[in-house]
Amino acid sequence: MRKTLATAMAITVSLLSAPLASATETRDFRGDGDSSFGPEFALMYARWDAKAKSDEAGFTDCFEAEKHVWAYSAWVIRRCTR
């Protein structure tokens, strides 16, 4: 009886004193875009591509972490957490 009570108390104390685990997940999504109409359209397509990928994976809290734009192509890194 004492062993069972001691075990139950130890489990209770460890569960109550344990810090809450952080369940935050962070992922990067890369979007690519090309356009013969110029860099503005390439960047727009890259942003749409990254957003579609993050939406499909179920991430909603996102921001644009990095981007690179050339004459007719671009890529964007969208960093998301959930």
C-alpha atoms as a PDB file:
ATOM      1  CA  MET A   1       0.000   0.000   0.000  1.00  0.00           C
ATOM      2  CA  ARG A   2       2.795   2.440   0.881  1.00  0.00           C
ATOM      3  CA  LYS A   3       4.649   1.653  -2.357  1.00  0.00           C
ATOM      4  CA  THR A   4       1.514   2.269  -4.419  1.00  0.00           C
ATOM      5  CA  LEU A   5       0.794   5.521  -2.602  1.00  0.00           C
ATOM      6  CA  ALA A   6       4.386   6.692  -3.014  1.00  0.00           C
ATOM      7  CA  THR A   7       4.324   5.878  -6.715  1.00  0.00           C
ATOM      8  CA  ALA A   8       1.014   7.687  -7.194  1.00  0.00           C
ATOM      9  CA  MET A   9       2.343  10.749  -5.360  1.00  0.00           C
ATOM     10  CA  ALA A  10       5.546  10.752  -7.419  1.00  0.00           C
ATOM     11  CA  ILE A  11       3.584  10.582 -10.651  1.00  0.00           C
ATOM     12  CA  THR A  12       1.236  13.358  -9.535  1.00  0.00           C
ATOM     13  CA  VAL A  13       4.086  15.650  -8.484  1.00  0.00           C
ATOM     14  CA  SER A  14       5.999  15.084 -11.719  1.00  0.00           C
ATOM     15  CA  LEU A  15       2.930  15.748 -13.871  1.00  0.00           C
ATOM     16  CA  LEU A  16       1.964  18.904 -11.997  1.00  0.00           C
ATOM     17  CA  SER A  17       5.452  20.355 -11.911  1.00  0.00           C
ATOM     18  CA  ALA A  18       6.357  19.579 -15.524  1.00  0.00           C
ATOM     19  CA  PRO A  19       6.398  22.612 -17.812  1.00  0.00           C
ATOM     20  CA  LEU A  20       3.938  22.702 -20.647  1.00  0.00           C
ATOM     21  CA  ALA A  21       5.467  21.518 -23.886  1.00  0.00           C
ATOM     22  CA  SER A  22       5.596  23.915 -26.781  1.00  0.00           C
ATOM     23  CA  ALA A  23       3.895  22.407 -29.801  1.00  0.00           C
ATOM     24  CA  THR A  24       4.944  25.128 -32.234  1.00  0.00           C
ATOM     25  CA  GLU A  25       6.034  23.878 -35.631  1.00  0.00           C
ATOM     26  CA  THR A  26       7.889  26.121 -38.084  1.00  0.00           C
ATOM     27  CA  ARG A  27       8.348  25.348 -41.777  1.00  0.00           C
ATOM     28  CA  ASP A  28       9.625  27.169 -44.829  1.00  0.00           C
ATOM     29  CA  PHE A  29       7.827  26.999 -48.156  1.00  0.00           C
ATOM     30  CA  ARG A  30       9.576  28.004 -51.372  1.00  0.00           C
ATOM     31  CA  GLY A  31       7.572  29.428 -54.217  1.00  0.00           C
ATOM     32  CA  ASP A  32       8.960  29.840 -57.724  1.00  0.00           C
ATOM     33  CA  GLY A  33       7.673  32.122 -60.440  1.00  0.00           C
ATOM     34  CA  ASP A  34       8.563  32.929 -64.041  1.00  0.00           C
ATOM     35  CA  SER A  35       7.088  35.503 -66.386  1.00  0.00           C
ATOM     36  CA  SER A  36       8.078  37.008 -69.704  1.00  0.00           C
ATOM     37  CA  PHE A  37       6.232  40.182 -68.628  1.00  0.00           C
ATOM     38  CA  GLY A  38       8.893  41.147 -66.094  1.00  0.00           C
ATOM     39  CA  PRO A  39      10.021  40.735 -62.506  1.00  0.00           C
ATOM     40  CA  GLU A  40       6.829  42.067 -60.910  1.00  0.00           C
ATOM     41  CA  PHE A  41       4.784  39.228 -62.377  1.00  0.00           C
ATOM     42  CA  ALA A  42       7.479  36.647 -61.594  1.00  0.00           C
ATOM     43  CA  LEU A  43       7.454  37.754 -57.945  1.00  0.00           C
ATOM     44  CA  MET A  44       3.651  37.680 -57.825  1.00  0.00           C
ATOM     45  CA  TYR A  45       3.608  34.110 -59.192  1.00  0.00           C
ATOM     46  CA  ALA A  46       6.306  33.043 -56.723  1.00  0.00           C
ATOM     47  CA  ARG A  47       4.275  34.448 -53.819  1.00  0.00           C
ATOM     48  CA  TRP A  48       1.142  32.647 -55.037  1.00  0.00           C
ATOM     49  CA  ASP A  49       3.088  29.399 -55.346  1.00  0.00           C
ATOM     50  CA  ALA A  50       4.494  29.637 -51.801  1.00  0.00           C
ATOM     51  CA  LYS A  51       1.073  30.551 -50.394  1.00  0.00           C
ATOM     52  CA  ALA A  52      -0.597  27.622 -52.151  1.00  0.00           C
ATOM     53  CA  LYS A  53       2.004  25.238 -50.716  1.00  0.00           C
ATOM     54  CA  SER A  54       1.638  26.571 -47.163  1.00  0.00           C
ATOM     55  CA  ASP A  55      -2.165  26.543 -47.360  1.00  0.00           C
ATOM     56  CA  GLU A  56      -2.123  22.961 -48.605  1.00  0.00           C
ATOM     57  CA  ALA A  57       0.044  21.952 -45.634  1.00  0.00           C
ATOM     58  CA  GLY A  58      -2.348  23.671 -43.200  1.00  0.00           C
ATOM     59  CA  PHE A  59      -0.189  26.609 -42.116  1.00  0.00           C
ATOM     60  CA  THR A  60      -1.918  29.969 -41.679  1.00  0.00           C
ATOM     61  CA  ASP A  61       0.476  32.177 -39.655  1.00  0.00           C
ATOM     62  CA  CYS A  62       3.078  33.083 -42.287  1.00  0.00           C
ATOM     63  CA  PHE A  63       5.378  35.860 -43.416  1.00  0.00           C
ATOM     64  CA  GLU A  64       7.756  36.393 -46.322  1.00  0.00           C
ATOM     65  CA  ALA A  65      11.201  35.617 -44.954  1.00  0.00           C
ATOM     66  CA  GLU A  66      13.290  36.003 -48.099  1.00  0.00           C
ATOM     67  CA  LYS A  67      12.952  36.729 -51.802  1.00  0.00           C
ATOM     68  CA  HIS A  68      15.169  36.913 -54.854  1.00  0.00           C
ATOM     69  CA  VAL A  69      14.065  38.563 -58.079  1.00  0.00           C
ATOM     70  CA  TRP A  70      15.767  38.480 -61.461  1.00  0.00           C
ATOM     71  CA  ALA A  71      14.681  39.804 -64.869  1.00  0.00           C
ATOM     72  CA  TYR A  72      12.162  37.048 -65.641  1.00  0.00           C
ATOM     73  CA  SER A  73      12.127  34.787 -62.586  1.00  0.00           C
ATOM     74  CA  ALA A  74      11.821  34.966 -58.823  1.00  0.00           C
ATOM     75  CA  TRP A  75      11.621  32.800 -55.738  1.00  0.00           C
ATOM     76  CA  VAL A  76      10.168  33.463 -52.314  1.00  0.00           C
ATOM     77  CA  ILE A  77      10.623  31.777 -48.944  1.00  0.00           C
ATOM     78  CA  ARG A  78       7.436  31.871 -46.836  1.00  0.00           C
ATOM     79  CA  ARG A  79       8.081  31.009 -43.166  1.00  0.00           C
ATOM     80  CA  CYS A  80       5.070  29.621 -41.334  1.00  0.00           C
ATOM     81  CA  THR A  81       4.238  28.443 -37.818  1.00  0.00           C
ATOM     82  CA  ARG A  82       1.359  26.540 -36.322  1.00  0.00           C
END
